[in-house]
């Protein structure tokens, strides 16, 4: 498959959206995730409300365009999500990437759906969900 199918203008535009989610020192829940396959990494900070639902997301990314796009997609849809919601989405993404389920219902994932055909990018796509589960109590 051609890289032009994977790195569309919409994917590249999502990577730029990360500037909307600066990582701030006051975020109480912080974790890092790294892809062994490509070296992509993110640091994810989260603030939660009294019920444990995500109120704010901050990111610092050193990832490929798919990893950056996935981080933006995660950040765009994370507000109001609980740890259980994130875990369910992570499981659904893992199944979908393995060809064992439908594309999960998370806003914007259709933009990076072509990454399913690129196993070398799967770990980068999973970075924000993995970091969120490490960060959330």
Protein backbone atom coordinates (compact mmCIF):
# COMPACT_ATOMS: atom_id res chain seq x y z
CA UNK A 1 0.00 0.00 0.00
CA UNK A 2 1.12 3.52 -0.70
CA UNK A 3 2.08 5.91 2.08
CA UNK A 4 -0.07 8.55 0.40
CA UNK A 5 -3.13 6.49 1.34
CA UNK A 6 -2.04 6.54 4.98
CA UNK A 7 -0.78 10.11 5.29
CA UNK A 8 -3.73 12.06 3.93
CA UNK A 9 -4.10 15.82 4.38
CA UNK A 10 -6.74 15.11 7.06
CA UNK A 11 -4.28 12.94 9.01
CA UNK A 12 -1.58 15.59 8.77
CA UNK A 13 -4.06 18.28 9.86
CA UNK A 14 -4.87 16.26 12.99
CA UNK A 15 -1.21 16.20 13.91
CA UNK A 16 -1.25 20.00 13.97
CA UNK A 17 -4.26 19.98 16.35
CA UNK A 18 -2.02 18.82 19.19
CA UNK A 19 -1.21 22.48 19.82
CA UNK A 20 -4.75 22.76 21.24
CA UNK A 21 -3.78 20.36 24.04
CA UNK A 22 -0.67 21.62 25.81
CA UNK A 23 0.70 19.47 28.61
CA UNK A 24 0.44 21.53 31.80
CA UNK A 25 2.28 20.96 35.05
CA UNK A 26 -0.92 21.04 37.10
CA UNK A 27 -2.41 17.96 35.43
CA UNK A 28 -2.59 15.38 38.21
CA UNK A 29 -2.56 12.21 36.11
CA UNK A 30 0.43 11.83 33.78
CA UNK A 31 1.87 8.84 31.95
CA UNK A 32 4.06 8.07 28.97
CA UNK A 33 3.56 5.48 26.27
CA UNK A 34 6.11 4.42 23.66
CA UNK A 35 5.88 2.27 20.55
CA UNK A 36 8.66 -0.30 20.38
CA UNK A 37 7.91 -0.75 16.67
CA UNK A 38 8.63 2.81 15.53
CA UNK A 39 9.92 4.71 18.54
CA UNK A 40 6.92 7.04 18.69
CA UNK A 41 6.16 8.33 22.17
CA UNK A 42 3.67 10.56 23.94
CA UNK A 43 3.34 11.99 27.40
CA UNK A 44 -0.32 12.39 28.29
CA UNK A 45 -1.67 14.47 31.15
CA UNK A 46 -5.25 14.26 32.36
CA UNK A 47 -7.40 16.15 34.81
CA UNK A 48 -10.57 14.48 36.07
CA UNK A 49 -13.69 15.58 37.87
CA UNK A 50 -14.94 14.22 41.22
CA UNK A 51 -16.47 11.22 39.42
CA UNK A 52 -13.19 10.34 37.69
CA UNK A 53 -14.32 11.55 34.26
CA UNK A 54 -11.78 13.31 32.07
CA UNK A 55 -12.11 17.10 32.13
CA UNK A 56 -8.88 18.13 30.40
CA UNK A 57 -6.18 16.55 28.26
CA UNK A 58 -2.62 17.69 27.68
CA UNK A 59 -0.12 16.07 25.34
CA UNK A 60 3.51 16.14 24.38
CA UNK A 61 4.21 13.99 21.34
CA UNK A 62 7.26 12.73 19.54
CA UNK A 63 5.40 10.41 17.23
CA UNK A 64 4.83 9.66 13.60
CA UNK A 65 1.89 11.36 11.91
CA UNK A 66 -0.41 8.42 12.77
CA UNK A 67 0.61 8.59 16.43
CA UNK A 68 0.07 12.36 16.48
CA UNK A 69 -3.27 12.06 14.68
CA UNK A 70 -4.40 9.35 17.11
CA UNK A 71 -3.40 11.57 20.03
CA UNK A 72 -5.48 14.45 18.63
CA UNK A 73 -8.43 12.13 18.01
CA UNK A 74 -8.15 10.82 21.57
CA UNK A 75 -7.94 14.33 23.01
CA UNK A 76 -10.90 15.54 20.94
CA UNK A 77 -13.13 12.74 22.26
CA UNK A 78 -11.81 12.15 25.78
CA UNK A 79 -13.76 14.76 27.70
CA UNK A 80 -16.39 13.11 29.90
CA UNK A 81 -14.91 9.63 29.47
CA UNK A 82 -14.23 7.41 32.49
CA UNK A 83 -11.39 4.95 32.96
CA UNK A 84 -13.83 2.14 32.08
CA UNK A 85 -14.83 3.97 28.89
CA UNK A 86 -11.17 4.32 27.89
CA UNK A 87 -10.51 0.65 28.66
CA UNK A 88 -13.48 -0.38 26.54
CA UNK A 89 -12.32 1.77 23.65
CA UNK A 90 -8.78 0.41 23.95
CA UNK A 91 -10.09 -3.18 23.80
CA UNK A 92 -12.29 -2.36 20.81
CA UNK A 93 -9.35 -0.70 19.02
CA UNK A 94 -7.12 -3.69 19.69
CA UNK A 95 -9.75 -6.05 18.29
CA UNK A 96 -10.34 -3.84 15.24
CA UNK A 97 -6.62 -3.58 14.49
CA UNK A 98 -6.43 -7.39 14.65
CA UNK A 99 -9.30 -7.62 12.16
CA UNK A 100 -11.66 -9.00 14.81
CA UNK A 101 -14.19 -6.22 15.12
CA UNK A 102 -15.65 -3.06 13.69
CA UNK A 103 -14.03 0.36 13.87
CA UNK A 104 -14.80 1.56 17.41
CA UNK A 105 -17.28 4.34 17.99
CA UNK A 106 -14.85 7.14 18.86
CA UNK A 107 -15.23 10.43 17.01
CA UNK A 108 -12.62 10.89 14.28
CA UNK A 109 -11.20 7.37 14.14
CA UNK A 110 -12.42 7.04 10.57
CA UNK A 111 -9.75 9.59 9.61
CA UNK A 112 -6.98 7.13 10.48
CA UNK A 113 -8.82 3.92 9.56
CA UNK A 114 -6.31 3.23 6.76
CA UNK A 115 -3.71 2.52 9.48
CA UNK A 116 -5.38 -0.85 10.08
CA UNK A 117 -3.62 -2.10 6.93
CA UNK A 118 -0.22 -1.01 8.32
CA UNK A 119 0.71 -3.23 11.31
CA UNK A 120 3.86 -1.18 11.85
CA UNK A 121 1.65 1.79 12.81
CA UNK A 122 -0.73 -0.06 15.17
CA UNK A 123 1.32 0.62 18.29
CA UNK A 124 1.56 4.33 17.43
CA UNK A 125 -2.21 4.48 17.02
CA UNK A 126 -2.70 2.93 20.47
CA UNK A 127 -0.37 5.34 22.31
CA UNK A 128 -2.96 7.73 23.77
CA UNK A 129 -5.26 4.98 25.01
CA UNK A 130 -2.33 3.11 26.56
CA UNK A 131 -1.01 6.26 28.24
CA UNK A 132 -4.48 7.21 29.51
CA UNK A 133 -4.94 3.84 31.19
CA UNK A 134 -1.53 4.16 32.82
CA UNK A 135 -2.36 7.68 34.00
CA UNK A 136 -5.86 7.17 35.36
CA UNK A 137 -6.25 5.73 38.86
